C-alpha atoms as a PDB file:
ATOM      1  CA  MET A   1      -0.251   0.057  -0.486  1.00  0.00           C
ATOM      2  CA  ASN A   2       1.433   3.045  -0.997  1.00  0.00           C
ATOM      3  CA  TRP A   3       1.763   6.660   0.795  1.00  0.00           C
ATOM      4  CA  TRP A   4      -1.679   8.258  -1.472  1.00  0.00           C
ATOM      5  CA  GLN A   5      -3.608   4.843  -0.386  1.00  0.00           C
ATOM      6  CA  ARG A   6      -2.817   5.389   3.338  1.00  0.00           C
ATOM      7  CA  LEU A   7      -3.273   8.909   3.108  1.00  0.00           C
ATOM      8  CA  THR A   8      -6.662   8.860   1.822  1.00  0.00           C
ATOM      9  CA  THR A   9      -7.840   6.284   4.178  1.00  0.00           C
ATOM     10  CA  PHE A  10      -6.598   7.871   7.072  1.00  0.00           C
ATOM     11  CA  LEU A  11      -8.587  10.963   5.982  1.00  0.00           C
ATOM     12  CA  ARG A  12     -11.593   8.492   5.134  1.00  0.00           C
ATOM     13  CA  GLU A  13     -11.667   7.072   9.011  1.00  0.00           C
ATOM     14  CA  VAL A  14     -11.203  10.257  10.371  1.00  0.00           C
ATOM     15  CA  ALA A  15     -13.999  12.057   9.108  1.00  0.00           C
ATOM     16  CA  VAL A  16     -15.864   8.637   9.656  1.00  0.00           C
ATOM     17  CA  GLU A  17     -14.636   8.926  13.502  1.00  0.00           C
ATOM     18  CA  THR A  18     -15.650  12.849  13.712  1.00  0.00           C
ATOM     19  CA  LYS A  19     -19.546  12.147  12.836  1.00  0.00           C
ATOM     20  CA  LYS A  20     -19.184   9.600  16.462  1.00  0.00           C
ATOM     21  CA  VAL A  21     -18.124  12.959  18.384  1.00  0.00           C
ATOM     22  CA  THR A  22     -20.926  14.417  20.151  1.00  0.00           C
ATOM     23  CA  TRP A  23     -20.722  18.113  20.331  1.00  0.00           C
ATOM     24  CA  PRO A  24     -21.389  20.394  23.019  1.00  0.00           C
ATOM     25  CA  SER A  25     -24.869  22.900  22.647  1.00  0.00           C
ATOM     26  CA  ARG A  26     -23.384  26.390  22.655  1.00  0.00           C
ATOM     27  CA  ASP A  27     -25.359  26.336  26.605  1.00  0.00           C
ATOM     28  CA  GLU A  28     -22.555  24.112  27.592  1.00  0.00           C
ATOM     29  CA  VAL A  29     -20.083  25.444  26.076  1.00  0.00           C
ATOM     30  CA  VAL A  30     -20.841  28.956  27.640  1.00  0.00           C
ATOM     31  CA  ALA A  31     -20.739  27.579  30.774  1.00  0.00           C
ATOM     32  CA  THR A  32     -17.625  26.228  31.012  1.00  0.00           C
ATOM     33  CA  THR A  33     -15.892  29.378  30.009  1.00  0.00           C
ATOM     34  CA  VAL A  34     -17.533  30.983  32.278  1.00  0.00           C
ATOM     35  CA  VAL A  35     -16.522  28.325  34.969  1.00  0.00           C
ATOM     36  CA  VAL A  36     -13.399  28.712  33.429  1.00  0.00           C
ATOM     37  CA  ILE A  37     -12.582  31.884  33.761  1.00  0.00           C
ATOM     38  CA  ALA A  38     -13.617  32.989  36.798  1.00  0.00           C
ATOM     39  CA  ALA A  39     -11.400  30.082  38.292  1.00  0.00           C
ATOM     40  CA  SER A  40      -8.591  31.216  36.668  1.00  0.00           C
ATOM     41  CA  PHE A  41      -9.468  34.594  38.479  1.00  0.00           C
ATOM     42  CA  ILE A  42      -9.472  33.151  42.264  1.00  0.00           C
ATOM     43  CA  PHE A  43      -6.494  31.335  41.267  1.00  0.00           C
ATOM     44  CA  GLY A  44      -5.342  34.389  40.147  1.00  0.00           C
ATOM     45  CA  ILE A  45      -6.473  36.217  43.077  1.00  0.00           C
ATOM     46  CA  PHE A  46      -4.626  33.506  45.490  1.00  0.00           C
ATOM     47  CA  LEU A  47      -1.635  33.054  44.085  1.00  0.00           C
ATOM     48  CA  TYR A  48      -0.951  37.355  44.362  1.00  0.00           C
ATOM     49  CA  VAL A  49      -1.633  36.753  47.940  1.00  0.00           C
ATOM     50  CA  CYS A  50       0.283  34.103  48.744  1.00  0.00           C
ATOM     51  CA  ASP A  51       2.662  36.019  46.569  1.00  0.00           C
ATOM     52  CA  LEU A  52       2.681  38.751  48.856  1.00  0.00           C
ATOM     53  CA  ALA A  53       2.547  37.407  52.123  1.00  0.00           C
ATOM     54  CA  PHE A  54       5.647  35.322  51.208  1.00  0.00           C
ATOM     55  CA  PHE A  55       7.414  38.429  49.697  1.00  0.00           C
ATOM     56  CA  ARG A  56       6.748  39.825  53.177  1.00  0.00           C
ATOM     57  CA  LEU A  57       7.454  37.657  55.231  1.00  0.00           C
ATOM     58  CA  VAL A  58      11.175  36.707  53.345  1.00  0.00           C
ATOM     59  CA  ASP A  59      11.061  40.714  53.631  1.00  0.00           C
ATOM     60  CA  TRP A  60      10.074  40.743  57.570  1.00  0.00           C
ATOM     61  CA  VAL A  61      12.825  37.541  57.994  1.00  0.00           C
ATOM     62  CA  ILE A  62      15.814  39.783  56.411  1.00  0.00           C
ATOM     63  CA  LYS A  63      15.150  42.571  58.419  1.00  0.00           C
ATOM     64  CA  PHE A  64      14.748  40.864  61.839  1.00  0.00           C
ATOM     65  CA  PHE A  65      18.453  39.347  61.256  1.00  0.00           C
ATOM     66  CA  SER A  66      20.168  41.906  59.808  1.00  0.00           C
END
């Protein structure tokens, strides 16, 4: 089997498998997108607060021992 036959077989199989996929509705996509954006903001704020706390702690330790 040459490369052209393998390519066409592969593309046919991809088309068949793609038809089996259950695509989400628009509402599901919007809902999960909102969840991802909200979680990103929450984790971003949490990491910012942790970074600020560690920075202040290290600064305090350096000032305390110097």
